[in-house]
């Protein structure tokens, strides 16, 4: 009898105490944090939804957090303001910190989980990831897949940061019959990084040389974004190495030396087909609008020579410059010939 009375009294004593220990939790996404900051200060709020006033202290197992550890009181239905200083790690990564509200009996009243994507100082996202291709930020203005031959697969992976305000779920996307997008992870949350892989498989009908395309990215049948993609395609390589057209240039570079700004200067090149089949100049491409050219014919018979004239317009240009002009042909042994130019404009 005495034991049963003692147990009843013990339970009645702990019942009001347990009513304080209705531990709830809140996840606070702090987003992307610049690593060059040694610390940041965050303010958030907790509303007392318990049936009485609560006295509490803040506590955390994470030494990176600093806060007011004095006893605080919040009335029933009132809101407490909580301010925390966070010392940032100097290592890139995603971090989650825990902050508990403990009542006077050291029961957890509420738990805050603070998540932050921290960039180390040399990887400042606002300086590096400054190109916007919705819903991503990227450090690439154009997604360059490099150089490959017909039949190859040009593939590169790029880091992207989701700032679109929501979580995106991606499946493999076929932008065309030859251009493909993949994402890892397939679920990229707001304020989180992911990896975007772009693959291009040039076919026999592909345009040789440098190409830049703007690809609409479709998600669930709707255009979500546009991505600028560039690549350079070369013809298939000839394994025999014997017959066929052969392109030869009398020189692969030219120095215009010192030129007064505003003048247009020119250089003459000879293109010879030393092979036993017709040579086709498929494309002539420059990396600067200041370079132009004249080529009277693009089909060169065996042992025939044609003249290529290249012009350099120095209007609105100053100083020392280097430019290139690329010739793409059906010579599978040397499908790309690059001519280098240099000039000093005064």
Protein backbone atom coordinates (compact mmCIF):
# COMPACT_ATOMS: atom_id res chain seq x y z
CA UNK A 1 0.00 0.00 0.00
CA UNK A 2 2.75 2.42 0.91
CA UNK A 3 4.62 1.56 -2.31
CA UNK A 4 1.57 2.29 -4.48
CA UNK A 5 1.00 5.65 -2.76
CA UNK A 6 4.66 6.57 -3.25
CA UNK A 7 4.52 5.72 -6.97
CA UNK A 8 1.34 7.76 -7.39
CA UNK A 9 2.90 10.77 -5.73
CA UNK A 10 6.04 10.40 -7.85
CA UNK A 11 4.03 10.35 -11.10
CA UNK A 12 1.97 13.34 -10.06
CA UNK A 13 5.16 15.23 -9.33
CA UNK A 14 6.63 14.59 -12.82
CA UNK A 15 3.44 15.19 -14.81
CA UNK A 16 3.69 19.01 -14.82
CA UNK A 17 7.41 18.79 -15.48
CA UNK A 18 6.87 16.65 -18.58
CA UNK A 19 4.39 19.16 -19.93
CA UNK A 20 7.33 21.50 -20.36
CA UNK A 21 9.31 18.91 -22.29
CA UNK A 22 7.19 19.00 -25.43
CA UNK A 23 10.27 19.24 -27.57
CA UNK A 24 9.67 20.54 -31.09
CA UNK A 25 12.27 21.37 -33.70
CA UNK A 26 12.79 23.87 -36.51
CA UNK A 27 15.23 23.64 -39.39
CA UNK A 28 16.68 27.02 -40.37
CA UNK A 29 18.36 27.11 -43.80
CA UNK A 30 20.98 29.84 -43.67
CA UNK A 31 21.73 29.32 -47.36
CA UNK A 32 25.12 30.09 -48.84
CA UNK A 33 27.67 31.69 -46.52
CA UNK A 34 30.79 33.44 -47.77
CA UNK A 35 33.81 31.74 -46.25
CA UNK A 36 35.96 34.86 -46.06
CA UNK A 37 33.76 36.05 -43.21
CA UNK A 38 35.15 34.75 -39.93
CA UNK A 39 31.72 34.77 -38.37
CA UNK A 40 28.12 35.68 -39.08
CA UNK A 41 25.25 36.73 -36.83
CA UNK A 42 21.77 35.26 -37.29
CA UNK A 43 18.51 36.25 -35.61
CA UNK A 44 15.48 33.97 -35.47
CA UNK A 45 12.40 33.57 -33.31
CA UNK A 46 10.59 31.04 -31.14
CA UNK A 47 6.91 31.38 -30.22
CA UNK A 48 5.87 29.85 -26.89
CA UNK A 49 2.88 27.67 -27.73
CA UNK A 50 2.92 25.92 -24.35
CA UNK A 51 0.15 26.51 -21.83
CA UNK A 52 2.28 28.57 -19.48
CA UNK A 53 5.23 30.94 -19.34
CA UNK A 54 8.62 29.34 -19.88
CA UNK A 55 12.02 30.18 -18.49
CA UNK A 56 14.79 28.84 -20.68
CA UNK A 57 18.49 28.95 -21.44
CA UNK A 58 20.25 28.32 -24.74
CA UNK A 59 22.59 25.37 -25.08
CA UNK A 60 24.51 23.77 -27.92
CA UNK A 61 27.01 20.94 -28.36
CA UNK A 62 28.64 22.96 -31.17
CA UNK A 63 31.48 25.20 -30.02
CA UNK A 64 31.14 27.23 -33.23
CA UNK A 65 27.98 28.87 -31.86
CA UNK A 66 28.00 31.82 -29.46
CA UNK A 67 24.85 33.01 -27.72
CA UNK A 68 23.47 34.58 -24.54
CA UNK A 69 23.47 31.76 -21.99
CA UNK A 70 21.58 33.71 -19.33
CA UNK A 71 18.13 32.63 -18.17
CA UNK A 72 15.37 34.13 -20.30
CA UNK A 73 11.60 34.12 -19.88
CA UNK A 74 8.86 34.16 -22.47
CA UNK A 75 5.18 34.38 -21.61
CA UNK A 76 2.52 32.05 -22.95
CA UNK A 77 1.81 32.95 -26.60
CA UNK A 78 4.72 35.41 -26.71
CA UNK A 79 7.73 35.24 -29.05
CA UNK A 80 11.36 35.12 -27.98
CA UNK A 81 14.08 36.71 -30.11
CA UNK A 82 17.22 34.58 -30.36
CA UNK A 83 20.52 35.87 -31.69
CA UNK A 84 23.44 33.59 -32.44
CA UNK A 85 26.98 34.22 -33.67
CA UNK A 86 28.44 31.46 -35.81
CA UNK A 87 32.19 31.05 -36.26
CA UNK A 88 32.71 29.75 -39.78
CA UNK A 89 34.94 26.80 -40.66
CA UNK A 90 37.58 27.46 -43.29
CA UNK A 91 36.74 24.27 -45.14
CA UNK A 92 34.21 24.12 -47.95
CA UNK A 93 31.14 22.05 -47.15
CA UNK A 94 27.61 21.85 -45.83
CA UNK A 95 27.33 22.15 -42.03
CA UNK A 96 24.45 21.62 -39.61
CA UNK A 97 24.54 23.06 -36.09
CA UNK A 98 22.21 22.35 -33.16
CA UNK A 99 20.85 24.92 -30.69
CA UNK A 100 18.56 23.79 -27.86
CA UNK A 101 16.17 25.74 -25.62
CA UNK A 102 16.27 24.13 -22.17
CA UNK A 103 13.86 24.85 -19.34
CA UNK A 104 14.98 25.18 -15.73
CA UNK A 105 14.81 21.41 -15.32
CA UNK A 106 17.14 21.04 -18.33
CA UNK A 107 14.38 19.55 -20.47
CA UNK A 108 14.48 20.43 -24.18
CA UNK A 109 11.67 22.81 -25.00
CA UNK A 110 12.69 23.41 -28.61
CA UNK A 111 15.58 22.53 -30.93
CA UNK A 112 16.90 24.61 -33.82
CA UNK A 113 18.87 22.92 -36.61
CA UNK A 114 20.93 25.52 -38.47
CA UNK A 115 22.13 24.47 -41.92
CA UNK A 116 24.70 26.45 -43.94
CA UNK A 117 26.60 25.87 -47.17
CA UNK A 118 30.02 27.35 -46.41
CA UNK A 119 32.51 28.33 -49.07
CA UNK A 120 36.15 28.69 -48.18
CA UNK A 121 37.48 32.20 -48.75
CA UNK A 122 39.23 31.45 -52.09
CA UNK A 123 35.94 30.07 -53.43
CA UNK A 124 33.78 33.11 -52.96
CA UNK A 125 30.52 32.19 -54.66
CA UNK A 126 29.56 35.81 -55.31
CA UNK A 127 32.81 36.40 -57.13
CA UNK A 128 33.21 33.00 -58.77
CA UNK A 129 29.63 31.84 -59.36
CA UNK A 130 28.55 35.13 -60.90
CA UNK A 131 26.89 33.88 -64.09
CA UNK A 132 23.13 33.34 -63.95
CA UNK A 133 21.38 30.62 -65.97
CA UNK A 134 18.09 30.27 -64.12
CA UNK A 135 17.60 28.52 -61.75
CA UNK A 136 21.35 28.16 -61.38
CA UNK A 137 24.36 30.30 -60.71
CA UNK A 138 27.56 29.14 -62.35
CA UNK A 139 31.11 30.33 -62.88
CA UNK A 140 30.75 29.60 -66.62
CA UNK A 141 29.39 32.20 -68.98
CA UNK A 142 29.35 29.54 -71.68
CA UNK A 143 29.51 25.77 -71.16
CA UNK A 144 32.47 24.75 -73.33
CA UNK A 145 32.59 21.05 -74.22
CA UNK A 146 35.96 21.31 -75.98
CA UNK A 147 37.07 19.71 -79.25
CA UNK A 148 36.12 16.31 -80.67
CA UNK A 149 35.73 14.38 -83.89
CA UNK A 150 32.61 13.07 -85.56
CA UNK A 151 31.51 9.97 -83.65
CA UNK A 152 33.23 11.01 -80.42
CA UNK A 153 31.35 11.98 -77.27
CA UNK A 154 32.18 15.43 -75.94
CA UNK A 155 31.29 15.47 -72.25
CA UNK A 156 32.02 17.85 -69.40
CA UNK A 157 30.65 18.32 -65.88
CA UNK A 158 30.01 21.74 -64.33
CA UNK A 159 29.22 22.84 -60.77
CA UNK A 160 25.92 24.69 -60.48
CA UNK A 161 24.25 26.36 -57.52
CA UNK A 162 20.46 26.38 -57.14
CA UNK A 163 19.20 29.82 -56.15
CA UNK A 164 15.77 29.33 -57.74
CA UNK A 165 13.84 29.49 -54.47
CA UNK A 166 12.68 25.88 -54.56
CA UNK A 167 13.86 22.29 -54.81
CA UNK A 168 14.25 20.97 -58.37
CA UNK A 169 13.95 17.32 -59.37
CA UNK A 170 15.81 16.47 -62.58
CA UNK A 171 15.71 13.40 -64.78
CA UNK A 172 18.10 12.91 -67.74
CA UNK A 173 17.16 15.52 -70.35
CA UNK A 174 17.55 15.09 -74.11
CA UNK A 175 17.88 18.63 -75.42
CA UNK A 176 18.16 17.18 -78.94
CA UNK A 177 19.10 13.91 -80.65
CA UNK A 178 22.77 14.67 -79.99
CA UNK A 179 22.82 16.88 -76.85
CA UNK A 180 22.09 15.50 -73.38
CA UNK A 181 21.94 16.87 -69.81
CA UNK A 182 22.32 14.92 -66.56
CA UNK A 183 22.25 16.17 -62.97
CA UNK A 184 23.73 14.77 -59.76
CA UNK A 185 22.05 14.60 -57.42
CA UNK A 186 18.77 14.49 -59.30
CA UNK A 187 17.20 16.45 -56.43
CA UNK A 188 18.92 19.81 -55.92
CA UNK A 189 17.55 21.85 -53.05
CA UNK A 190 17.44 25.62 -52.85
CA UNK A 191 20.82 27.07 -51.77
CA UNK A 192 22.61 23.82 -52.58
CA UNK A 193 25.18 22.78 -55.16
CA UNK A 194 24.83 20.10 -57.80
CA UNK A 195 26.72 18.85 -60.84
CA UNK A 196 25.44 19.27 -64.38
CA UNK A 197 26.93 17.02 -67.08
CA UNK A 198 26.48 17.97 -70.73
CA UNK A 199 27.18 15.45 -73.51
CA UNK A 200 27.30 16.07 -77.24
CA UNK A 201 27.70 13.34 -79.89
CA UNK A 202 28.51 14.90 -83.30
CA UNK A 203 27.17 12.91 -86.24
CA UNK A 204 28.18 12.88 -89.91
CA UNK A 205 25.80 15.80 -90.53
CA UNK A 206 27.42 18.01 -87.84
CA UNK A 207 28.90 21.33 -88.87
CA UNK A 208 32.68 21.27 -88.67
CA UNK A 209 34.48 23.90 -86.66
CA UNK A 210 33.41 26.00 -83.73
CA UNK A 211 29.72 26.21 -82.86
CA UNK A 212 27.79 27.98 -80.14
CA UNK A 213 24.16 27.10 -79.47
CA UNK A 214 21.63 28.28 -76.92
CA UNK A 215 19.81 25.23 -75.60
CA UNK A 216 16.34 25.48 -74.01
CA UNK A 217 16.22 23.29 -70.92
CA UNK A 218 12.83 21.60 -70.67
CA UNK A 219 11.53 20.33 -67.32
CA UNK A 220 8.19 18.49 -67.46
CA UNK A 221 7.57 19.86 -70.95
CA UNK A 222 8.13 23.50 -69.99
CA UNK A 223 11.15 25.70 -70.75
CA UNK A 224 12.91 26.14 -67.42
CA UNK A 225 16.07 27.86 -68.64
CA UNK A 226 18.43 28.52 -71.55
CA UNK A 227 22.03 27.31 -71.51
CA UNK A 228 24.76 28.57 -73.90
CA UNK A 229 26.84 25.58 -75.05
CA UNK A 230 29.87 25.65 -77.35
CA UNK A 231 32.06 22.98 -78.95
CA UNK A 232 34.38 22.38 -81.90
CA UNK A 233 33.83 19.44 -84.27
CA UNK A 234 36.53 17.87 -86.46
CA UNK A 235 36.08 15.24 -89.21
CA UNK A 236 36.71 11.59 -88.51
CA UNK A 237 40.35 10.58 -88.38
CA UNK A 238 41.65 8.49 -91.30
CA UNK A 239 43.26 5.30 -90.01
CA UNK A 240 44.88 4.44 -93.35
CA UNK A 241 47.00 7.59 -93.56
CA UNK A 242 47.55 7.16 -97.31
CA UNK A 243 45.04 8.42 -99.88
CA UNK A 244 42.90 11.50 -99.70
CA UNK A 245 43.24 15.31 -99.79
CA UNK A 246 46.17 16.93 -97.98
CA UNK A 247 46.20 20.60 -96.98
CA UNK A 248 49.48 22.50 -96.85
CA UNK A 249 50.05 26.16 -95.92
CA UNK A 250 53.12 28.09 -96.93
CA UNK A 251 53.22 29.55 -93.38
CA UNK A 252 51.30 29.12 -90.11
CA UNK A 253 51.94 32.50 -88.51
CA UNK A 254 52.33 36.15 -89.41
CA UNK A 255 53.62 39.21 -87.56
CA UNK A 256 52.08 42.51 -88.69
CA UNK A 257 54.61 44.28 -86.45
CA UNK A 258 53.82 47.88 -85.44
CA UNK A 259 50.77 49.49 -87.03
CA UNK A 260 49.04 52.83 -86.55
CA UNK A 261 45.55 52.45 -85.04
CA UNK A 262 42.77 52.79 -87.62
CA UNK A 263 44.64 51.12 -90.46
CA UNK A 264 43.68 47.84 -92.17
CA UNK A 265 46.66 45.61 -92.96
CA UNK A 266 46.75 42.33 -94.86
CA UNK A 267 48.76 39.13 -95.22
CA UNK A 268 48.87 36.60 -98.10
CA UNK A 269 48.88 32.81 -97.64
CA UNK A 270 49.04 29.96 -100.14
CA UNK A 271 46.96 26.82 -99.65
CA UNK A 272 48.06 23.75 -101.62
CA UNK A 273 46.37 20.38 -101.97
CA UNK A 274 49.23 17.86 -102.03
CA UNK A 275 46.89 14.85 -101.90
CA UNK A 276 45.24 12.75 -104.57
CA UNK A 277 41.61 13.77 -103.95
CA UNK A 278 39.80 17.11 -103.96
CA UNK A 279 40.38 19.25 -100.87
CA UNK A 280 37.29 20.96 -99.47
CA UNK A 281 37.71 23.99 -97.20
CA UNK A 282 34.68 23.46 -95.00
CA UNK A 283 34.93 26.50 -92.78
CA UNK A 284 37.19 29.46 -91.99
CA UNK A 285 36.77 30.89 -88.52
CA UNK A 286 38.41 33.65 -86.48
CA UNK A 287 38.42 34.41 -82.77
CA UNK A 288 38.07 38.15 -83.43
CA UNK A 289 35.86 40.38 -85.53
CA UNK A 290 38.99 42.37 -86.36
CA UNK A 291 40.10 39.54 -88.67
CA UNK A 292 38.45 39.00 -92.04
CA UNK A 293 39.55 37.10 -95.14
CA UNK A 294 39.13 36.54 -98.88
CA UNK A 295 39.24 33.03 -100.31
CA UNK A 296 38.32 32.79 -104.02
CA UNK A 297 37.52 29.06 -103.96
CA UNK A 298 36.85 26.46 -101.27
CA UNK A 299 37.37 23.34 -103.42
CA UNK A 300 41.01 22.70 -104.37
CA UNK A 301 41.97 19.96 -106.82
CA UNK A 302 45.07 17.80 -106.29
CA UNK A 303 48.33 19.77 -106.78
CA UNK A 304 46.37 23.02 -107.08
CA UNK A 305 47.21 26.15 -105.03
CA UNK A 306 44.83 28.94 -104.02
CA UNK A 307 45.54 32.23 -102.26
CA UNK A 308 44.06 33.26 -98.92
CA UNK A 309 44.18 36.95 -97.99
CA UNK A 310 43.69 37.85 -94.32
CA UNK A 311 42.88 41.42 -93.18
CA UNK A 312 43.42 42.89 -89.72
CA UNK A 313 41.36 46.00 -88.91
CA UNK A 314 43.06 48.00 -86.13
CA UNK A 315 40.18 50.47 -85.64
CA UNK A 316 39.63 51.20 -81.94
CA UNK A 317 42.42 48.82 -80.93
CA UNK A 318 45.56 49.54 -78.88
CA UNK A 319 48.59 47.62 -77.70
CA UNK A 320 49.97 44.16 -78.44
CA UNK A 321 47.49 41.54 -79.58
CA UNK A 322 47.48 37.89 -80.65
CA UNK A 323 44.68 36.45 -82.79
CA UNK A 324 44.03 33.22 -84.70
CA UNK A 325 42.30 32.07 -87.87
CA UNK A 326 41.30 28.39 -88.18
CA UNK A 327 40.74 26.47 -91.42
CA UNK A 328 38.63 23.29 -91.29
CA UNK A 329 38.89 20.88 -94.22
CA UNK A 330 38.20 17.30 -95.27
CA UNK A 331 41.88 16.41 -94.80
CA UNK A 332 41.27 13.77 -92.13
CA UNK A 333 44.95 13.71 -91.17
CA UNK A 334 45.12 17.47 -90.53
CA UNK A 335 41.50 18.58 -90.46
CA UNK A 336 42.26 21.84 -88.63
CA UNK A 337 44.97 24.32 -89.56
CA UNK A 338 45.44 27.32 -87.26
CA UNK A 339 47.22 30.50 -88.37
CA UNK A 340 48.59 32.70 -85.57
CA UNK A 341 48.76 36.49 -85.90
CA UNK A 342 50.36 39.10 -83.75
CA UNK A 343 50.35 42.88 -84.02
CA UNK A 344 51.36 45.94 -82.04
CA UNK A 345 48.89 48.78 -82.47
CA UNK A 346 50.02 52.28 -81.48
